[in-house]
Amino acid sequence: MDKLAEADIEARLAALPEWTQQGENIQRTYKFADFAEAMAFVNRIAEHAERVKHHPDILIRWNKVMLTLSTHDAGGLTAMDFDFADAADGLASPVEAGSGASGGSGGGGGRKGKK
């Protein structure tokens, strides 16, 4: 799969407002009611990752789950990363996908945080 051009990345990010770009990655932090709900979400993500053969980096902190996506073989972001991000949002319950979730590692603000 080919690495996306910056203009394509910006267009794809516009459709995923809770996700932020961090260098050659995109990431989002989801917030849940408790650890058990967070782990249930991680299990749904794991099943999807195995199905599509694309695996995010996952960081779990009690009721928060941060997903980081990049296509290592392509050396950056590809359509596969954005497709996975969209699917991940669909795997979160309506409460999880609402105002309690934040993009990136620091919450709100800009769409890009290139470092």
N, C-alpha and C. Protein backbone atom coordinates (compact mmCIF):
# COMPACT_ATOMS: atom_id res chain seq x y z
N MET A 1 0.85 -1.17 0.00
CA MET A 1 0.00 0.00 0.00
C MET A 1 0.89 1.24 0.00
N ASP A 2 0.50 2.26 -0.76
CA ASP A 2 1.31 3.47 -0.91
C ASP A 2 1.07 4.46 0.21
N LYS A 3 2.14 5.12 0.61
CA LYS A 3 2.08 6.19 1.60
C LYS A 3 1.28 7.36 1.02
N LEU A 4 0.42 7.96 1.83
CA LEU A 4 -0.42 9.07 1.37
C LEU A 4 0.36 10.38 1.34
N ALA A 5 0.00 11.24 0.39
CA ALA A 5 0.54 12.59 0.32
C ALA A 5 -0.09 13.43 1.44
N GLU A 6 0.58 14.50 1.82
CA GLU A 6 0.09 15.35 2.91
C GLU A 6 -1.33 15.86 2.65
N ALA A 7 -1.64 16.24 1.42
CA ALA A 7 -3.00 16.73 1.10
C ALA A 7 -4.04 15.64 1.33
N ASP A 8 -3.70 14.40 0.98
CA ASP A 8 -4.61 13.28 1.20
C ASP A 8 -4.81 13.01 2.70
N ILE A 9 -3.72 13.12 3.45
CA ILE A 9 -3.80 12.93 4.90
C ILE A 9 -4.73 13.97 5.52
N GLU A 10 -4.56 15.22 5.13
CA GLU A 10 -5.40 16.29 5.66
C GLU A 10 -6.87 16.06 5.32
N ALA A 11 -7.14 15.61 4.11
CA ALA A 11 -8.53 15.35 3.70
C ALA A 11 -9.12 14.20 4.51
N ARG A 12 -8.34 13.15 4.72
CA ARG A 12 -8.83 12.00 5.48
C ARG A 12 -9.04 12.37 6.96
N LEU A 13 -8.13 13.19 7.51
CA LEU A 13 -8.29 13.64 8.90
C LEU A 13 -9.54 14.48 9.09
N ALA A 14 -9.90 15.24 8.08
CA ALA A 14 -11.10 16.09 8.17
C ALA A 14 -12.35 15.25 8.40
N ALA A 15 -12.34 14.02 7.91
CA ALA A 15 -13.48 13.12 8.08
C ALA A 15 -13.44 12.38 9.42
N LEU A 16 -12.33 12.52 10.15
CA LEU A 16 -12.16 11.85 11.45
C LEU A 16 -11.74 12.89 12.49
N PRO A 17 -12.65 13.78 12.88
CA PRO A 17 -12.27 14.93 13.70
C PRO A 17 -11.67 14.62 15.07
N GLU A 18 -11.91 13.44 15.60
CA GLU A 18 -11.35 13.09 16.92
C GLU A 18 -9.92 12.56 16.82
N TRP A 19 -9.43 12.34 15.61
CA TRP A 19 -8.09 11.81 15.40
C TRP A 19 -7.13 12.95 15.12
N THR A 20 -5.88 12.80 15.58
CA THR A 20 -4.86 13.80 15.31
C THR A 20 -3.65 13.14 14.68
N GLN A 21 -2.92 13.93 13.93
CA GLN A 21 -1.68 13.44 13.33
C GLN A 21 -0.53 13.77 14.26
N GLN A 22 0.30 12.79 14.52
CA GLN A 22 1.50 12.94 15.33
C GLN A 22 2.65 12.41 14.48
N GLY A 23 3.28 13.26 13.71
CA GLY A 23 4.36 12.82 12.82
C GLY A 23 3.82 11.89 11.75
N GLU A 24 4.33 10.68 11.71
CA GLU A 24 3.92 9.69 10.71
C GLU A 24 2.82 8.77 11.23
N ASN A 25 2.13 9.20 12.30
CA ASN A 25 1.06 8.41 12.92
C ASN A 25 -0.21 9.24 13.02
N ILE A 26 -1.34 8.54 13.20
CA ILE A 26 -2.56 9.19 13.66
C ILE A 26 -2.94 8.52 14.96
N GLN A 27 -3.57 9.29 15.85
CA GLN A 27 -3.96 8.70 17.13
C GLN A 27 -5.21 9.33 17.69
N ARG A 28 -5.84 8.54 18.54
CA ARG A 28 -7.04 8.99 19.24
C ARG A 28 -7.07 8.31 20.60
N THR A 29 -7.53 9.05 21.59
CA THR A 29 -7.75 8.49 22.92
C THR A 29 -9.24 8.40 23.17
N TYR A 30 -9.69 7.21 23.54
CA TYR A 30 -11.10 6.97 23.88
C TYR A 30 -11.20 6.90 25.40
N LYS A 31 -12.27 7.44 25.96
CA LYS A 31 -12.50 7.40 27.40
C LYS A 31 -13.74 6.56 27.68
N PHE A 32 -13.63 5.68 28.68
CA PHE A 32 -14.70 4.76 29.03
C PHE A 32 -15.11 4.95 30.48
N ALA A 33 -16.21 4.32 30.87
CA ALA A 33 -16.70 4.43 32.24
C ALA A 33 -15.74 3.79 33.24
N ASP A 34 -15.10 2.69 32.83
CA ASP A 34 -14.21 1.98 33.74
C ASP A 34 -13.25 1.09 32.94
N PHE A 35 -12.39 0.40 33.67
CA PHE A 35 -11.38 -0.47 33.05
C PHE A 35 -12.01 -1.60 32.25
N ALA A 36 -13.07 -2.19 32.77
CA ALA A 36 -13.72 -3.32 32.08
C ALA A 36 -14.25 -2.89 30.71
N GLU A 37 -14.87 -1.71 30.63
CA GLU A 37 -15.35 -1.22 29.33
C GLU A 37 -14.19 -0.93 28.39
N ALA A 38 -13.12 -0.38 28.94
CA ALA A 38 -11.94 -0.11 28.11
C ALA A 38 -11.39 -1.41 27.53
N MET A 39 -11.31 -2.45 28.35
CA MET A 39 -10.78 -3.73 27.87
C MET A 39 -11.72 -4.39 26.87
N ALA A 40 -13.01 -4.23 27.04
CA ALA A 40 -13.96 -4.78 26.06
C ALA A 40 -13.73 -4.13 24.70
N PHE A 41 -13.49 -2.82 24.70
CA PHE A 41 -13.19 -2.11 23.46
C PHE A 41 -11.89 -2.63 22.85
N VAL A 42 -10.86 -2.80 23.67
CA VAL A 42 -9.57 -3.32 23.18
C VAL A 42 -9.76 -4.69 22.55
N ASN A 43 -10.59 -5.52 23.14
CA ASN A 43 -10.85 -6.85 22.56
C ASN A 43 -11.54 -6.75 21.21
N ARG A 44 -12.46 -5.80 21.06
CA ARG A 44 -13.11 -5.60 19.76
C ARG A 44 -12.09 -5.10 18.73
N ILE A 45 -11.20 -4.22 19.17
CA ILE A 45 -10.14 -3.71 18.28
C ILE A 45 -9.23 -4.86 17.86
N ALA A 46 -8.87 -5.72 18.79
CA ALA A 46 -7.98 -6.85 18.49
C ALA A 46 -8.61 -7.79 17.46
N GLU A 47 -9.88 -8.07 17.61
CA GLU A 47 -10.57 -8.94 16.65
C GLU A 47 -10.57 -8.30 15.26
N HIS A 48 -10.84 -7.01 15.21
CA HIS A 48 -10.84 -6.31 13.91
C HIS A 48 -9.43 -6.31 13.32
N ALA A 49 -8.43 -6.05 14.14
CA ALA A 49 -7.04 -6.00 13.66
C ALA A 49 -6.62 -7.33 13.05
N GLU A 50 -6.98 -8.41 13.69
CA GLU A 50 -6.66 -9.74 13.15
C GLU A 50 -7.39 -9.99 11.84
N ARG A 51 -8.62 -9.54 11.76
CA ARG A 51 -9.42 -9.75 10.56
C ARG A 51 -8.83 -9.00 9.35
N VAL A 52 -8.39 -7.76 9.58
CA VAL A 52 -7.89 -6.95 8.46
C VAL A 52 -6.37 -7.00 8.33
N LYS A 53 -5.71 -7.70 9.24
CA LYS A 53 -4.25 -7.84 9.23
C LYS A 53 -3.53 -6.49 9.30
N HIS A 54 -4.03 -5.63 10.17
CA HIS A 54 -3.42 -4.32 10.41
C HIS A 54 -3.58 -4.04 11.90
N HIS A 55 -2.46 -3.80 12.58
CA HIS A 55 -2.48 -3.79 14.04
C HIS A 55 -2.02 -2.44 14.60
N PRO A 56 -2.88 -1.77 15.36
CA PRO A 56 -2.51 -0.49 15.96
C PRO A 56 -1.63 -0.69 17.19
N ASP A 57 -0.93 0.36 17.58
CA ASP A 57 -0.31 0.39 18.90
C ASP A 57 -1.44 0.76 19.86
N ILE A 58 -1.50 0.07 20.99
CA ILE A 58 -2.58 0.28 21.95
C ILE A 58 -1.97 0.59 23.32
N LEU A 59 -2.38 1.71 23.90
CA LEU A 59 -1.97 2.08 25.24
C LEU A 59 -3.22 2.15 26.11
N ILE A 60 -3.20 1.40 27.21
CA ILE A 60 -4.36 1.36 28.11
C ILE A 60 -3.96 2.01 29.43
N ARG A 61 -4.75 2.97 29.86
CA ARG A 61 -4.56 3.61 31.17
C ARG A 61 -5.92 3.64 31.85
N TRP A 62 -6.17 2.67 32.68
CA TRP A 62 -7.42 2.44 33.40
C TRP A 62 -8.62 2.57 32.49
N ASN A 63 -9.26 3.74 32.40
CA ASN A 63 -10.47 3.86 31.59
C ASN A 63 -10.22 4.54 30.25
N LYS A 64 -8.96 4.69 29.87
CA LYS A 64 -8.62 5.33 28.60
C LYS A 64 -7.82 4.38 27.72
N VAL A 65 -8.13 4.43 26.43
CA VAL A 65 -7.41 3.61 25.45
C VAL A 65 -6.95 4.54 24.34
N MET A 66 -5.63 4.56 24.11
CA MET A 66 -5.09 5.34 23.00
C MET A 66 -4.69 4.38 21.88
N LEU A 67 -5.22 4.65 20.69
CA LEU A 67 -4.83 3.90 19.50
C LEU A 67 -3.92 4.78 18.66
N THR A 68 -2.83 4.19 18.19
CA THR A 68 -1.90 4.87 17.29
C THR A 68 -1.75 4.01 16.05
N LEU A 69 -1.93 4.64 14.89
CA LEU A 69 -1.89 3.91 13.63
C LEU A 69 -0.85 4.48 12.68
N SER A 70 -0.16 3.58 12.00
CA SER A 70 0.78 3.90 10.93
C SER A 70 1.04 2.60 10.19
N THR A 71 1.36 2.70 8.92
CA THR A 71 1.70 1.50 8.15
C THR A 71 3.21 1.44 8.04
N HIS A 72 3.81 0.61 8.86
CA HIS A 72 5.27 0.55 8.96
C HIS A 72 5.92 0.16 7.64
N ASP A 73 5.32 -0.77 6.92
CA ASP A 73 5.89 -1.21 5.63
C ASP A 73 5.96 -0.07 4.62
N ALA A 74 5.03 0.89 4.71
CA ALA A 74 5.00 2.02 3.78
C ALA A 74 5.80 3.20 4.32
N GLY A 75 6.21 3.14 5.57
CA GLY A 75 6.97 4.23 6.15
C GLY A 75 6.14 5.45 6.51
N GLY A 76 4.85 5.25 6.76
CA GLY A 76 3.99 6.37 7.12
C GLY A 76 2.53 6.00 7.03
N LEU A 77 1.72 6.99 6.78
CA LEU A 77 0.27 6.81 6.75
C LEU A 77 -0.24 6.37 5.39
N THR A 78 -1.15 5.40 5.41
CA THR A 78 -1.79 4.91 4.19
C THR A 78 -3.31 4.92 4.39
N ALA A 79 -4.02 4.63 3.33
CA ALA A 79 -5.48 4.54 3.42
C ALA A 79 -5.90 3.50 4.45
N MET A 80 -5.09 2.46 4.62
CA MET A 80 -5.40 1.40 5.58
C MET A 80 -5.51 1.97 7.00
N ASP A 81 -4.67 2.93 7.34
CA ASP A 81 -4.71 3.53 8.67
C ASP A 81 -6.01 4.28 8.90
N PHE A 82 -6.42 5.04 7.90
CA PHE A 82 -7.65 5.82 8.03
C PHE A 82 -8.89 4.93 8.00
N ASP A 83 -8.84 3.86 7.23
CA ASP A 83 -9.95 2.90 7.22
C ASP A 83 -10.07 2.24 8.59
N PHE A 84 -8.92 1.91 9.20
CA PHE A 84 -8.94 1.29 10.52
C PHE A 84 -9.47 2.28 11.55
N ALA A 85 -9.04 3.54 11.47
CA ALA A 85 -9.52 4.56 12.41
C ALA A 85 -11.03 4.70 12.34
N ASP A 86 -11.56 4.71 11.14
CA ASP A 86 -13.01 4.81 10.95
C ASP A 86 -13.71 3.60 11.56
N ALA A 87 -13.15 2.42 11.34
CA ALA A 87 -13.74 1.20 11.91
C ALA A 87 -13.66 1.22 13.43
N ALA A 88 -12.54 1.70 13.99
CA ALA A 88 -12.39 1.78 15.44
C ALA A 88 -13.46 2.67 16.05
N ASP A 89 -13.72 3.79 15.40
CA ASP A 89 -14.78 4.68 15.90
C ASP A 89 -16.12 3.96 15.90
N GLY A 90 -16.35 3.12 14.91
CA GLY A 90 -17.59 2.35 14.85
C GLY A 90 -17.67 1.27 15.91
N LEU A 91 -16.52 0.81 16.40
CA LEU A 91 -16.49 -0.23 17.42
C LEU A 91 -16.68 0.32 18.83
N ALA A 92 -16.57 1.63 18.97
CA ALA A 92 -16.82 2.26 20.27
C ALA A 92 -18.32 2.45 20.41
N SER A 93 -18.83 2.31 21.63
CA SER A 93 -20.27 2.51 21.84
C SER A 93 -20.61 3.99 21.68
N PRO A 94 -21.89 4.33 21.50
CA PRO A 94 -22.27 5.74 21.35
C PRO A 94 -21.77 6.63 22.48
N VAL A 95 -21.76 6.14 23.72
CA VAL A 95 -21.26 6.92 24.84
C VAL A 95 -19.76 7.16 24.68
N GLU A 96 -19.03 6.11 24.30
CA GLU A 96 -17.58 6.21 24.15
C GLU A 96 -17.19 7.15 23.02
N ALA A 97 -17.99 7.19 21.97
CA ALA A 97 -17.66 8.01 20.81
C ALA A 97 -18.08 9.46 20.97
N GLY A 98 -18.77 9.76 22.08
CA GLY A 98 -19.27 11.12 22.28
C GLY A 98 -18.25 12.05 22.87
N SER A 99 -18.72 13.01 23.63
CA SER A 99 -17.87 14.08 24.14
C SER A 99 -16.84 13.61 25.16
N GLY A 100 -16.97 12.40 25.66
CA GLY A 100 -16.00 11.91 26.63
C GLY A 100 -14.70 11.45 26.00
N ALA A 101 -14.64 11.34 24.69
CA ALA A 101 -13.43 10.89 24.02
C ALA A 101 -12.69 12.10 23.47
N SER A 102 -11.38 11.97 23.42
CA SER A 102 -10.60 13.08 22.87
C SER A 102 -9.56 12.55 21.91
N GLY A 103 -9.21 13.37 20.96
CA GLY A 103 -8.18 13.00 20.00
C GLY A 103 -6.81 13.27 20.56
N GLY A 104 -5.83 12.50 20.12
CA GLY A 104 -4.45 12.74 20.49
C GLY A 104 -4.15 12.40 21.93
N SER A 105 -2.94 12.72 22.36
CA SER A 105 -2.53 12.37 23.70
C SER A 105 -2.78 13.48 24.70
N GLY A 106 -3.03 14.70 24.23
CA GLY A 106 -3.21 15.79 25.15
C GLY A 106 -4.61 16.36 25.13
N GLY A 107 -5.50 15.80 24.35
CA GLY A 107 -6.86 16.29 24.27
C GLY A 107 -6.97 17.52 23.39
N GLY A 108 -8.17 17.90 23.08
CA GLY A 108 -8.61 19.01 22.26
C GLY A 108 -7.61 19.89 21.57
N GLY A 109 -8.11 20.74 20.74
CA GLY A 109 -7.24 21.68 20.07
C GLY A 109 -7.08 21.36 18.62
N GLY A 110 -5.85 21.37 18.17
CA GLY A 110 -5.57 21.23 16.75
C GLY A 110 -5.68 19.83 16.23
N ARG A 111 -5.77 19.77 14.92
CA ARG A 111 -5.87 18.49 14.25
C ARG A 111 -4.49 17.87 14.09
N LYS A 112 -3.46 18.70 13.94
CA LYS A 112 -2.12 18.17 13.74
C LYS A 112 -1.24 18.55 14.91
N GLY A 113 -0.41 17.63 15.31
CA GLY A 113 0.57 17.90 16.34
C GLY A 113 1.90 17.32 15.92
N LYS A 114 2.35 17.64 14.74
CA LYS A 114 3.58 17.05 14.22
C LYS A 114 4.74 17.34 15.15
N LYS A 115 5.50 16.30 15.42
CA LYS A 115 6.67 16.44 16.29
C LYS A 115 7.87 15.85 15.63
